[in-house]
């Protein structure tokens, strides 16, 4: 059957259409993206303003039409941290449903981490052993650990690249003092969670998902996305540590000229790099591998599991 996943994230609204059935690998059939940056549209009270809601409605309508055009039988719409943490989330969800007919399911942060972990486990298989999975989104950082398909520990921290950029790095390029203060904040927040994971033992394999990690790996010399999903891509901590001060001295426009960095993500790449550097350092990770599957694939896999054999 043809499934569609509509992911209303902090940066983008992404429709992924796949051909899938239980027991088989989902095959991508279509992708539809729109930059929305909901995390940056919150007002002083933490609410998504009317302009932001109107834009969200327009994008969801476009995505719903694209799903219909591509023959999607089952649409799985969900929203993550930007909507979840908005002070007017209930009103936003009601307006979107009324205007579009699409009822967005708001995922809790820990559920995001668990679904991303499921996707990574299915991608790497049981032979990967105990996995530590990291994901940096626009609004949050997810960390999950375990040796089964359900992680033994899963947390979501308010350390997304878009959120941090808007709150801590107003300059372009940012002021060195602001970068230093953000680095301190990120590491203090991550450090609170390290003990919860370290008591479970060292992972056999550390993997990372998300656009931020992929871009950082590309900067450090990983293969281009055009070379395919099955090329192994790694990010070494020493390479990342060398890039952070360079990114801090660049404007967003200068970062957008770097290999693999899109103009839409260039402004928040430094904040993402500080989070990646902090989590790799505090969790004592020297090298991690990039996983092509993430939250959207986890949602699809969970749906297929619930369907059972056909």
C-alpha atoms as a PDB file:
ATOM      1  CA  UNK A   1       0.000   0.000   0.000  1.00  0.00           C
ATOM      2  CA  UNK A   2       1.034   3.612  -0.351  1.00  0.00           C
ATOM      3  CA  UNK A   3       1.577   5.456   2.942  1.00  0.00           C
ATOM      4  CA  UNK A   4       2.246   9.120   3.545  1.00  0.00           C
ATOM      5  CA  UNK A   5       3.924  10.670   6.569  1.00  0.00           C
ATOM      6  CA  UNK A   6       3.293  14.371   7.123  1.00  0.00           C
ATOM      7  CA  UNK A   7       5.931  15.708   9.514  1.00  0.00           C
ATOM      8  CA  UNK A   8       5.266  19.223  10.861  1.00  0.00           C
ATOM      9  CA  UNK A   9       8.666  19.989  12.336  1.00  0.00           C
ATOM     10  CA  UNK A  10      10.320  23.047  13.788  1.00  0.00           C
ATOM     11  CA  UNK A  11      12.058  23.859  10.493  1.00  0.00           C
ATOM     12  CA  UNK A  12      10.081  22.244   7.706  1.00  0.00           C
ATOM     13  CA  UNK A  13       6.827  20.522   6.856  1.00  0.00           C
ATOM     14  CA  UNK A  14       7.803  17.343   5.047  1.00  0.00           C
ATOM     15  CA  UNK A  15       5.543  14.862   3.299  1.00  0.00           C
ATOM     16  CA  UNK A  16       7.208  11.503   2.632  1.00  0.00           C
ATOM     17  CA  UNK A  17       5.305   9.033   0.468  1.00  0.00           C
ATOM     18  CA  UNK A  18       6.381   5.376   0.497  1.00  0.00           C
ATOM     19  CA  UNK A  19       5.235   2.071  -0.939  1.00  0.00           C
ATOM     20  CA  UNK A  20       5.194  -0.348   1.964  1.00  0.00           C
ATOM     21  CA  UNK A  21       3.713  -3.459   3.501  1.00  0.00           C
ATOM     22  CA  UNK A  22       4.529  -5.405   6.677  1.00  0.00           C
ATOM     23  CA  UNK A  23       7.805  -7.304   6.501  1.00  0.00           C
ATOM     24  CA  UNK A  24       9.243  -5.269   3.630  1.00  0.00           C
ATOM     25  CA  UNK A  25      11.514  -2.255   3.437  1.00  0.00           C
ATOM     26  CA  UNK A  26       9.538   0.954   2.752  1.00  0.00           C
ATOM     27  CA  UNK A  27      10.387   2.283  -0.701  1.00  0.00           C
ATOM     28  CA  UNK A  28      10.349   6.098  -1.098  1.00  0.00           C
ATOM     29  CA  UNK A  29       8.005   7.219  -3.854  1.00  0.00           C
ATOM     30  CA  UNK A  30       7.716  10.983  -3.384  1.00  0.00           C
ATOM     31  CA  UNK A  31       8.949  13.792  -1.147  1.00  0.00           C
ATOM     32  CA  UNK A  32       7.358  17.214  -0.691  1.00  0.00           C
ATOM     33  CA  UNK A  33       8.978  19.852   1.540  1.00  0.00           C
ATOM     34  CA  UNK A  34       8.201  23.388   2.581  1.00  0.00           C
ATOM     35  CA  UNK A  35      10.299  25.635   4.818  1.00  0.00           C
ATOM     36  CA  UNK A  36       8.147  27.034   7.600  1.00  0.00           C
ATOM     37  CA  UNK A  37      10.446  27.593  10.609  1.00  0.00           C
ATOM     38  CA  UNK A  38       7.689  27.430  13.194  1.00  0.00           C
ATOM     39  CA  UNK A  39      10.234  27.559  16.005  1.00  0.00           C
ATOM     40  CA  UNK A  40      11.145  31.072  14.891  1.00  0.00           C
ATOM     41  CA  UNK A  41       7.517  32.249  14.598  1.00  0.00           C
ATOM     42  CA  UNK A  42       6.717  32.087  18.323  1.00  0.00           C
ATOM     43  CA  UNK A  43       5.815  35.387  19.957  1.00  0.00           C
ATOM     44  CA  UNK A  44       6.974  36.622  23.347  1.00  0.00           C
ATOM     45  CA  UNK A  45       4.385  34.462  25.091  1.00  0.00           C
ATOM     46  CA  UNK A  46       5.514  31.316  23.298  1.00  0.00           C
ATOM     47  CA  UNK A  47       2.462  31.233  21.033  1.00  0.00           C
ATOM     48  CA  UNK A  48       2.343  30.682  17.276  1.00  0.00           C
ATOM     49  CA  UNK A  49       0.888  33.904  15.870  1.00  0.00           C
ATOM     50  CA  UNK A  50      -1.972  34.123  13.389  1.00  0.00           C
ATOM     51  CA  UNK A  51       0.424  34.638  10.477  1.00  0.00           C
ATOM     52  CA  UNK A  52       2.292  31.470  11.420  1.00  0.00           C
ATOM     53  CA  UNK A  53      -0.934  29.492  11.731  1.00  0.00           C
ATOM     54  CA  UNK A  54      -2.131  30.747   8.337  1.00  0.00           C
ATOM     55  CA  UNK A  55       1.150  29.694   6.756  1.00  0.00           C
ATOM     56  CA  UNK A  56       0.940  26.301   8.445  1.00  0.00           C
ATOM     57  CA  UNK A  57      -2.599  25.788   7.104  1.00  0.00           C
ATOM     58  CA  UNK A  58      -1.483  26.652   3.576  1.00  0.00           C
ATOM     59  CA  UNK A  59       1.450  24.238   3.734  1.00  0.00           C
ATOM     60  CA  UNK A  60      -0.662  21.407   5.180  1.00  0.00           C
ATOM     61  CA  UNK A  61      -3.276  21.918   2.443  1.00  0.00           C
ATOM     62  CA  UNK A  62      -0.539  21.720  -0.200  1.00  0.00           C
ATOM     63  CA  UNK A  63       0.882  18.563   1.377  1.00  0.00           C
ATOM     64  CA  UNK A  64      -2.550  16.941   1.620  1.00  0.00           C
ATOM     65  CA  UNK A  65      -3.155  17.658  -2.065  1.00  0.00           C
ATOM     66  CA  UNK A  66       0.248  16.221  -2.964  1.00  0.00           C
ATOM     67  CA  UNK A  67      -0.573  13.088  -0.955  1.00  0.00           C
ATOM     68  CA  UNK A  68      -3.884  12.702  -2.813  1.00  0.00           C
ATOM     69  CA  UNK A  69      -2.175  13.275  -6.155  1.00  0.00           C
ATOM     70  CA  UNK A  70       0.312  10.493  -5.385  1.00  0.00           C
ATOM     71  CA  UNK A  71      -2.385   8.019  -4.391  1.00  0.00           C
ATOM     72  CA  UNK A  72      -1.700   7.878  -0.665  1.00  0.00           C
ATOM     73  CA  UNK A  73      -4.160   5.509   1.060  1.00  0.00           C
ATOM     74  CA  UNK A  74      -3.163   6.234   4.642  1.00  0.00           C
ATOM     75  CA  UNK A  75      -1.785   9.616   5.756  1.00  0.00           C
ATOM     76  CA  UNK A  76       0.050   9.745   9.093  1.00  0.00           C
ATOM     77  CA  UNK A  77       0.259  13.408  10.146  1.00  0.00           C
ATOM     78  CA  UNK A  78       2.212  14.464  13.219  1.00  0.00           C
ATOM     79  CA  UNK A  79       3.836  17.516  14.787  1.00  0.00           C
ATOM     80  CA  UNK A  80       6.921  17.812  16.960  1.00  0.00           C
ATOM     81  CA  UNK A  81       8.460  20.315  19.363  1.00  0.00           C
ATOM     82  CA  UNK A  82       7.440  23.648  17.793  1.00  0.00           C
ATOM     83  CA  UNK A  83       3.735  22.837  18.005  1.00  0.00           C
ATOM     84  CA  UNK A  84       4.070  20.698  21.133  1.00  0.00           C
ATOM     85  CA  UNK A  85       5.609  23.519  23.151  1.00  0.00           C
ATOM     86  CA  UNK A  86       3.564  26.406  21.792  1.00  0.00           C
ATOM     87  CA  UNK A  87       1.414  27.968  24.504  1.00  0.00           C
ATOM     88  CA  UNK A  88      -1.582  27.928  22.127  1.00  0.00           C
ATOM     89  CA  UNK A  89      -0.987  24.422  20.753  1.00  0.00           C
ATOM     90  CA  UNK A  90      -4.598  23.281  21.226  1.00  0.00           C
ATOM     91  CA  UNK A  91      -5.961  26.280  19.339  1.00  0.00           C
ATOM     92  CA  UNK A  92      -3.434  25.818  16.535  1.00  0.00           C
ATOM     93  CA  UNK A  93      -4.308  22.145  16.138  1.00  0.00           C
ATOM     94  CA  UNK A  94      -8.020  22.931  16.101  1.00  0.00           C
ATOM     95  CA  UNK A  95      -7.619  25.617  13.434  1.00  0.00           C
ATOM     96  CA  UNK A  96      -5.500  23.361  11.242  1.00  0.00           C
ATOM     97  CA  UNK A  97      -8.007  20.515  11.475  1.00  0.00           C
ATOM     98  CA  UNK A  98     -10.954  22.797  10.771  1.00  0.00           C
ATOM     99  CA  UNK A  99      -9.287  24.363   7.736  1.00  0.00           C
ATOM    100  CA  UNK A 100      -7.626  21.279   6.265  1.00  0.00           C
ATOM    101  CA  UNK A 101      -9.358  18.214   7.644  1.00  0.00           C
ATOM    102  CA  UNK A 102      -5.968  16.988   8.853  1.00  0.00           C
ATOM    103  CA  UNK A 103      -5.712  16.095  12.532  1.00  0.00           C
ATOM    104  CA  UNK A 104      -2.088  16.416  13.604  1.00  0.00           C
ATOM    105  CA  UNK A 105      -0.903  14.021  16.293  1.00  0.00           C
ATOM    106  CA  UNK A 106       1.507  15.784  18.621  1.00  0.00           C
ATOM    107  CA  UNK A 107       4.406  13.498  19.515  1.00  0.00           C
ATOM    108  CA  UNK A 108       5.919  13.744  22.968  1.00  0.00           C
ATOM    109  CA  UNK A 109       9.663  14.293  22.984  1.00  0.00           C
ATOM    110  CA  UNK A 110      10.454  10.861  24.399  1.00  0.00           C
ATOM    111  CA  UNK A 111       8.219   9.289  21.740  1.00  0.00           C
ATOM    112  CA  UNK A 112      10.210  11.117  19.054  1.00  0.00           C
ATOM    113  CA  UNK A 113      13.365   9.590  20.496  1.00  0.00           C
ATOM    114  CA  UNK A 114      11.829   6.102  20.617  1.00  0.00           C
ATOM    115  CA  UNK A 115      10.559   6.214  17.040  1.00  0.00           C
ATOM    116  CA  UNK A 116      13.887   7.516  15.746  1.00  0.00           C
ATOM    117  CA  UNK A 117      15.615   4.730  17.665  1.00  0.00           C
ATOM    118  CA  UNK A 118      13.318   2.153  16.035  1.00  0.00           C
ATOM    119  CA  UNK A 119      14.266   3.448  12.591  1.00  0.00           C
ATOM    120  CA  UNK A 120      17.983   3.289  13.391  1.00  0.00           C
ATOM    121  CA  UNK A 121      17.659  -0.225  14.821  1.00  0.00           C
ATOM    122  CA  UNK A 122      15.882  -1.489  11.703  1.00  0.00           C
ATOM    123  CA  UNK A 123      18.476   0.188   9.473  1.00  0.00           C
ATOM    124  CA  UNK A 124      21.537  -1.226  11.244  1.00  0.00           C
ATOM    125  CA  UNK A 125      20.027  -4.518  12.427  1.00  0.00           C
ATOM    126  CA  UNK A 126      20.610  -6.631  15.504  1.00  0.00           C
ATOM    127  CA  UNK A 127      24.308  -7.120  14.730  1.00  0.00           C
ATOM    128  CA  UNK A 128      24.932  -3.478  15.677  1.00  0.00           C
ATOM    129  CA  UNK A 129      24.439  -4.428  19.335  1.00  0.00           C
ATOM    130  CA  UNK A 130      23.705  -1.682  21.832  1.00  0.00           C
ATOM    131  CA  UNK A 131      22.907   1.559  20.004  1.00  0.00           C
ATOM    132  CA  UNK A 132      23.243   5.151  21.131  1.00  0.00           C
ATOM    133  CA  UNK A 133      21.113   7.236  18.757  1.00  0.00           C
ATOM    134  CA  UNK A 134      21.375  11.043  18.496  1.00  0.00           C
ATOM    135  CA  UNK A 135      19.100  13.401  16.567  1.00  0.00           C
ATOM    136  CA  UNK A 136      19.302  17.219  16.380  1.00  0.00           C
ATOM    137  CA  UNK A 137      16.132  18.841  15.098  1.00  0.00           C
ATOM    138  CA  UNK A 138      15.065  22.447  14.812  1.00  0.00           C
ATOM    139  CA  UNK A 139      13.508  22.485  18.270  1.00  0.00           C
ATOM    140  CA  UNK A 140      15.003  19.609  20.235  1.00  0.00           C
ATOM    141  CA  UNK A 141      17.790  17.082  20.697  1.00  0.00           C
ATOM    142  CA  UNK A 142      16.757  13.441  21.071  1.00  0.00           C
ATOM    143  CA  UNK A 143      18.954  10.795  22.688  1.00  0.00           C
ATOM    144  CA  UNK A 144      18.060   7.101  22.952  1.00  0.00           C
ATOM    145  CA  UNK A 145      19.970   3.971  23.981  1.00  0.00           C
ATOM    146  CA  UNK A 146      19.264   0.249  23.960  1.00  0.00           C
ATOM    147  CA  UNK A 147      19.860  -3.164  22.440  1.00  0.00           C
ATOM    148  CA  UNK A 148      16.276  -3.980  21.415  1.00  0.00           C
ATOM    149  CA  UNK A 149      13.772  -2.130  19.239  1.00  0.00           C
ATOM    150  CA  UNK A 150      12.417  -0.269  22.260  1.00  0.00           C
ATOM    151  CA  UNK A 151      15.206   1.794  23.895  1.00  0.00           C
ATOM    152  CA  UNK A 152      16.121   1.381  27.548  1.00  0.00           C
ATOM    153  CA  UNK A 153      16.439   5.165  27.888  1.00  0.00           C
ATOM    154  CA  UNK A 154      15.054   7.972  25.724  1.00  0.00           C
ATOM    155  CA  UNK A 155      15.058  11.712  26.356  1.00  0.00           C
ATOM    156  CA  UNK A 156      14.282  14.908  24.474  1.00  0.00           C
ATOM    157  CA  UNK A 157      16.098  18.127  25.362  1.00  0.00           C
ATOM    158  CA  UNK A 158      15.174  21.681  24.249  1.00  0.00           C
ATOM    159  CA  UNK A 159      18.412  22.013  22.286  1.00  0.00           C
ATOM    160  CA  UNK A 160      17.279  22.240  18.679  1.00  0.00           C
ATOM    161  CA  UNK A 161      19.427  24.180  16.241  1.00  0.00           C
ATOM    162  CA  UNK A 162      16.679  26.604  15.215  1.00  0.00           C
ATOM    163  CA  UNK A 163      15.499  27.256  18.749  1.00  0.00           C
ATOM    164  CA  UNK A 164      19.006  27.955  20.031  1.00  0.00           C
ATOM    165  CA  UNK A 165      19.927  30.193  17.119  1.00  0.00           C
ATOM    166  CA  UNK A 166      16.866  32.387  17.629  1.00  0.00           C
ATOM    167  CA  UNK A 167      17.364  32.644  21.386  1.00  0.00           C
ATOM    168  CA  UNK A 168      21.142  32.850  21.752  1.00  0.00           C
ATOM    169  CA  UNK A 169      22.830  33.898  18.491  1.00  0.00           C
ATOM    170  CA  UNK A 170      21.265  37.112  17.151  1.00  0.00           C
ATOM    171  CA  UNK A 171      24.393  38.350  15.370  1.00  0.00           C
ATOM    172  CA  UNK A 172      25.568  37.448  11.887  1.00  0.00           C
ATOM    173  CA  UNK A 173      28.289  36.475  12.452  1.00  0.00           C
ATOM    174  CA  UNK A 174      27.522  35.875  16.133  1.00  0.00           C
ATOM    175  CA  UNK A 175      29.397  37.654  18.888  1.00  0.00           C
ATOM    176  CA  UNK A 176      32.120  35.462  20.455  1.00  0.00           C
ATOM    177  CA  UNK A 177      30.615  36.060  23.895  1.00  0.00           C
ATOM    178  CA  UNK A 178      27.244  34.771  22.678  1.00  0.00           C
ATOM    179  CA  UNK A 179      28.843  31.654  21.225  1.00  0.00           C
ATOM    180  CA  UNK A 180      30.677  31.012  24.478  1.00  0.00           C
ATOM    181  CA  UNK A 181      27.524  31.470  26.536  1.00  0.00           C
ATOM    182  CA  UNK A 182      25.534  29.137  24.269  1.00  0.00           C
ATOM    183  CA  UNK A 183      28.279  26.509  24.476  1.00  0.00           C
ATOM    184  CA  UNK A 184      28.114  26.667  28.260  1.00  0.00           C
ATOM    185  CA  UNK A 185      24.315  26.380  28.243  1.00  0.00           C
ATOM    186  CA  UNK A 186      24.293  23.412  25.847  1.00  0.00           C
ATOM    187  CA  UNK A 187      26.869  21.437  27.786  1.00  0.00           C
ATOM    188  CA  UNK A 188      25.248  22.075  31.151  1.00  0.00           C
ATOM    189  CA  UNK A 189      21.892  20.875  29.807  1.00  0.00           C
ATOM    190  CA  UNK A 190      23.325  17.736  28.201  1.00  0.00           C
ATOM    191  CA  UNK A 191      25.416  16.906  31.274  1.00  0.00           C
ATOM    192  CA  UNK A 192      22.256  16.489  33.362  1.00  0.00           C
ATOM    193  CA  UNK A 193      21.301  13.436  31.305  1.00  0.00           C
ATOM    194  CA  UNK A 194      24.661  11.679  30.945  1.00  0.00           C
ATOM    195  CA  UNK A 195      24.327   9.685  34.146  1.00  0.00           C
ATOM    196  CA  UNK A 196      21.007   8.210  33.051  1.00  0.00           C
ATOM    197  CA  UNK A 197      22.732   6.664  30.046  1.00  0.00           C
ATOM    198  CA  UNK A 198      26.207   5.890  31.406  1.00  0.00           C
ATOM    199  CA  UNK A 199      24.791   3.506  34.013  1.00  0.00           C
ATOM    200  CA  UNK A 200      23.541   1.337  31.126  1.00  0.00           C
ATOM    201  CA  UNK A 201      27.058   0.709  29.851  1.00  0.00           C
ATOM    202  CA  UNK A 202      28.989   1.689  26.755  1.00  0.00           C
ATOM    203  CA  UNK A 203      27.196   1.428  23.396  1.00  0.00           C
ATOM    204  CA  UNK A 204      28.528  -0.861  20.698  1.00  0.00           C
ATOM    205  CA  UNK A 205      27.556   1.596  17.988  1.00  0.00           C
ATOM    206  CA  UNK A 206      26.800   5.322  17.987  1.00  0.00           C
ATOM    207  CA  UNK A 207      24.636   6.673  15.186  1.00  0.00           C
ATOM    208  CA  UNK A 208      23.143  10.041  14.367  1.00  0.00           C
ATOM    209  CA  UNK A 209      20.207  11.130  12.252  1.00  0.00           C
ATOM    210  CA  UNK A 210      18.936  14.533  11.061  1.00  0.00           C
ATOM    211  CA  UNK A 211      19.923  17.130   8.504  1.00  0.00           C
ATOM    212  CA  UNK A 212      22.265  18.852  10.968  1.00  0.00           C
ATOM    213  CA  UNK A 213      24.424  15.769  11.500  1.00  0.00           C
ATOM    214  CA  UNK A 214      24.428  15.005   7.764  1.00  0.00           C
ATOM    215  CA  UNK A 215      25.633  18.508   6.936  1.00  0.00           C
ATOM    216  CA  UNK A 216      28.341  18.386   9.590  1.00  0.00           C
ATOM    217  CA  UNK A 217      29.509  15.010   8.320  1.00  0.00           C
ATOM    218  CA  UNK A 218      29.615  16.381   4.767  1.00  0.00           C
ATOM    219  CA  UNK A 219      31.780  19.285   5.943  1.00  0.00           C
ATOM    220  CA  UNK A 220      34.115  16.778   7.556  1.00  0.00           C
ATOM    221  CA  UNK A 221      34.540  14.918   4.269  1.00  0.00           C
ATOM    222  CA  UNK A 222      31.660  12.411   4.139  1.00  0.00           C
ATOM    223  CA  UNK A 223      30.224  11.358   0.790  1.00  0.00           C
ATOM    224  CA  UNK A 224      27.647  13.558  -0.935  1.00  0.00           C
ATOM    225  CA  UNK A 225      23.996  12.553  -0.699  1.00  0.00           C
ATOM    226  CA  UNK A 226      24.026  11.977  -4.468  1.00  0.00           C
ATOM    227  CA  UNK A 227      26.266   8.956  -3.896  1.00  0.00           C
ATOM    228  CA  UNK A 228      23.354   7.070  -2.360  1.00  0.00           C
ATOM    229  CA  UNK A 229      21.914   5.874   0.936  1.00  0.00           C
ATOM    230  CA  UNK A 230      24.168   2.873   1.339  1.00  0.00           C
ATOM    231  CA  UNK A 231      27.503   4.679   1.413  1.00  0.00           C
ATOM    232  CA  UNK A 232      28.823   4.690   4.965  1.00  0.00           C
ATOM    233  CA  UNK A 233      29.144   8.227   6.347  1.00  0.00           C
ATOM    234  CA  UNK A 234      30.932   9.107   9.564  1.00  0.00           C
ATOM    235  CA  UNK A 235      31.569  12.159  11.688  1.00  0.00           C
ATOM    236  CA  UNK A 236      34.675  12.270  13.853  1.00  0.00           C
ATOM    237  CA  UNK A 237      34.749  14.450  16.929  1.00  0.00           C
ATOM    238  CA  UNK A 238      38.194  15.837  16.129  1.00  0.00           C
ATOM    239  CA  UNK A 239      36.940  17.010  12.715  1.00  0.00           C
ATOM    240  CA  UNK A 240      33.878  18.607  14.268  1.00  0.00           C
ATOM    241  CA  UNK A 241      35.971  20.388  16.893  1.00  0.00           C
ATOM    242  CA  UNK A 242      38.088  21.878  14.119  1.00  0.00           C
ATOM    243  CA  UNK A 243      35.013  23.141  12.270  1.00  0.00           C
ATOM    244  CA  UNK A 244      33.195  24.799  15.182  1.00  0.00           C
ATOM    245  CA  UNK A 245      35.458  27.876  15.474  1.00  0.00           C
ATOM    246  CA  UNK A 246      35.451  28.252  11.700  1.00  0.00           C
ATOM    247  CA  UNK A 247      31.652  28.225  11.578  1.00  0.00           C
ATOM    248  CA  UNK A 248      31.532  30.713  14.453  1.00  0.00           C
ATOM    249  CA  UNK A 249      33.522  33.225  12.429  1.00  0.00           C
ATOM    250  CA  UNK A 250      31.325  32.990   9.327  1.00  0.00           C
ATOM    251  CA  UNK A 251      28.138  34.746   8.322  1.00  0.00           C
ATOM    252  CA  UNK A 252      25.142  32.651   7.315  1.00  0.00           C
ATOM    253  CA  UNK A 253      25.793  33.532   3.680  1.00  0.00           C
ATOM    254  CA  UNK A 254      29.383  32.306   3.945  1.00  0.00           C
ATOM    255  CA  UNK A 255      28.250  29.043   5.541  1.00  0.00           C
ATOM    256  CA  UNK A 256      25.764  28.484   2.721  1.00  0.00           C
ATOM    257  CA  UNK A 257      28.700  28.328   0.298  1.00  0.00           C
ATOM    258  CA  UNK A 258      30.170  25.344   2.150  1.00  0.00           C
ATOM    259  CA  UNK A 259      29.719  21.855   0.647  1.00  0.00           C
ATOM    260  CA  UNK A 260      26.442  20.240   1.634  1.00  0.00           C
ATOM    261  CA  UNK A 261      25.066  23.278   3.492  1.00  0.00           C
ATOM    262  CA  UNK A 262      21.744  24.636   2.279  1.00  0.00           C
ATOM    263  CA  UNK A 263      20.943  28.332   2.462  1.00  0.00           C
ATOM    264  CA  UNK A 264      17.895  27.619   4.616  1.00  0.00           C
ATOM    265  CA  UNK A 265      19.938  25.756   7.234  1.00  0.00           C
ATOM    266  CA  UNK A 266      23.124  27.829   7.150  1.00  0.00           C
ATOM    267  CA  UNK A 267      21.989  30.280   9.811  1.00  0.00           C
ATOM    268  CA  UNK A 268      21.443  27.586  12.426  1.00  0.00           C
ATOM    269  CA  UNK A 269      24.377  25.331  11.556  1.00  0.00           C
ATOM    270  CA  UNK A 270      26.667  26.785  14.236  1.00  0.00           C
ATOM    271  CA  UNK A 271      24.150  26.113  17.008  1.00  0.00           C
ATOM    272  CA  UNK A 272      23.701  22.584  15.677  1.00  0.00           C
ATOM    273  CA  UNK A 273      27.469  22.093  15.618  1.00  0.00           C
ATOM    274  CA  UNK A 274      27.755  23.226  19.246  1.00  0.00           C
ATOM    275  CA  UNK A 275      25.099  20.704  20.245  1.00  0.00           C
ATOM    276  CA  UNK A 276      26.755  17.920  18.246  1.00  0.00           C
ATOM    277  CA  UNK A 277      30.165  18.739  19.699  1.00  0.00           C
ATOM    278  CA  UNK A 278      28.764  18.881  23.214  1.00  0.00           C
ATOM    279  CA  UNK A 279      26.905  15.589  23.058  1.00  0.00           C
ATOM    280  CA  UNK A 280      29.835  13.763  21.440  1.00  0.00           C
ATOM    281  CA  UNK A 281      32.243  15.124  24.049  1.00  0.00           C
ATOM    282  CA  UNK A 282      30.070  14.516  27.109  1.00  0.00           C
ATOM    283  CA  UNK A 283      29.084  11.027  25.960  1.00  0.00           C
ATOM    284  CA  UNK A 284      32.738  10.309  25.042  1.00  0.00           C
ATOM    285  CA  UNK A 285      31.989   9.576  21.392  1.00  0.00           C
ATOM    286  CA  UNK A 286      35.004   9.722  19.101  1.00  0.00           C
ATOM    287  CA  UNK A 287      33.189   8.801  15.900  1.00  0.00           C
ATOM    288  CA  UNK A 288      29.571   8.239  14.922  1.00  0.00           C
ATOM    289  CA  UNK A 289      27.877   6.902  11.822  1.00  0.00           C
ATOM    290  CA  UNK A 290      25.124   8.739   9.965  1.00  0.00           C
ATOM    291  CA  UNK A 291      21.834   6.844   9.671  1.00  0.00           C
ATOM    292  CA  UNK A 292      19.681   7.654   6.607  1.00  0.00           C
ATOM    293  CA  UNK A 293      16.473   6.710   8.435  1.00  0.00           C
ATOM    294  CA  UNK A 294      15.009   8.826  11.213  1.00  0.00           C
ATOM    295  CA  UNK A 295      11.685   9.874  12.761  1.00  0.00           C
ATOM    296  CA  UNK A 296       9.523   9.700   9.629  1.00  0.00           C
ATOM    297  CA  UNK A 297      10.699   6.177   8.859  1.00  0.00           C
ATOM    298  CA  UNK A 298      10.117   5.234  12.489  1.00  0.00           C
ATOM    299  CA  UNK A 299       6.498   6.396  12.228  1.00  0.00           C
ATOM    300  CA  UNK A 300       6.043   4.305   9.069  1.00  0.00           C
ATOM    301  CA  UNK A 301       7.628   1.222  10.633  1.00  0.00           C
ATOM    302  CA  UNK A 302       5.459   1.489  13.741  1.00  0.00           C
ATOM    303  CA  UNK A 303       2.347   1.776  11.555  1.00  0.00           C
ATOM    304  CA  UNK A 304       3.348  -1.307   9.555  1.00  0.00           C
ATOM    305  CA  UNK A 305       3.998  -3.269  12.746  1.00  0.00           C
ATOM    306  CA  UNK A 306       0.487  -2.452  13.953  1.00  0.00           C
ATOM    307  CA  UNK A 307      -0.991  -3.623  10.657  1.00  0.00           C
ATOM    308  CA  UNK A 308       0.458  -7.101  11.064  1.00  0.00           C
ATOM    309  CA  UNK A 309       0.836  -9.706   8.297  1.00  0.00           C
ATOM    310  CA  UNK A 310      -1.319  -9.168   5.234  1.00  0.00           C
END
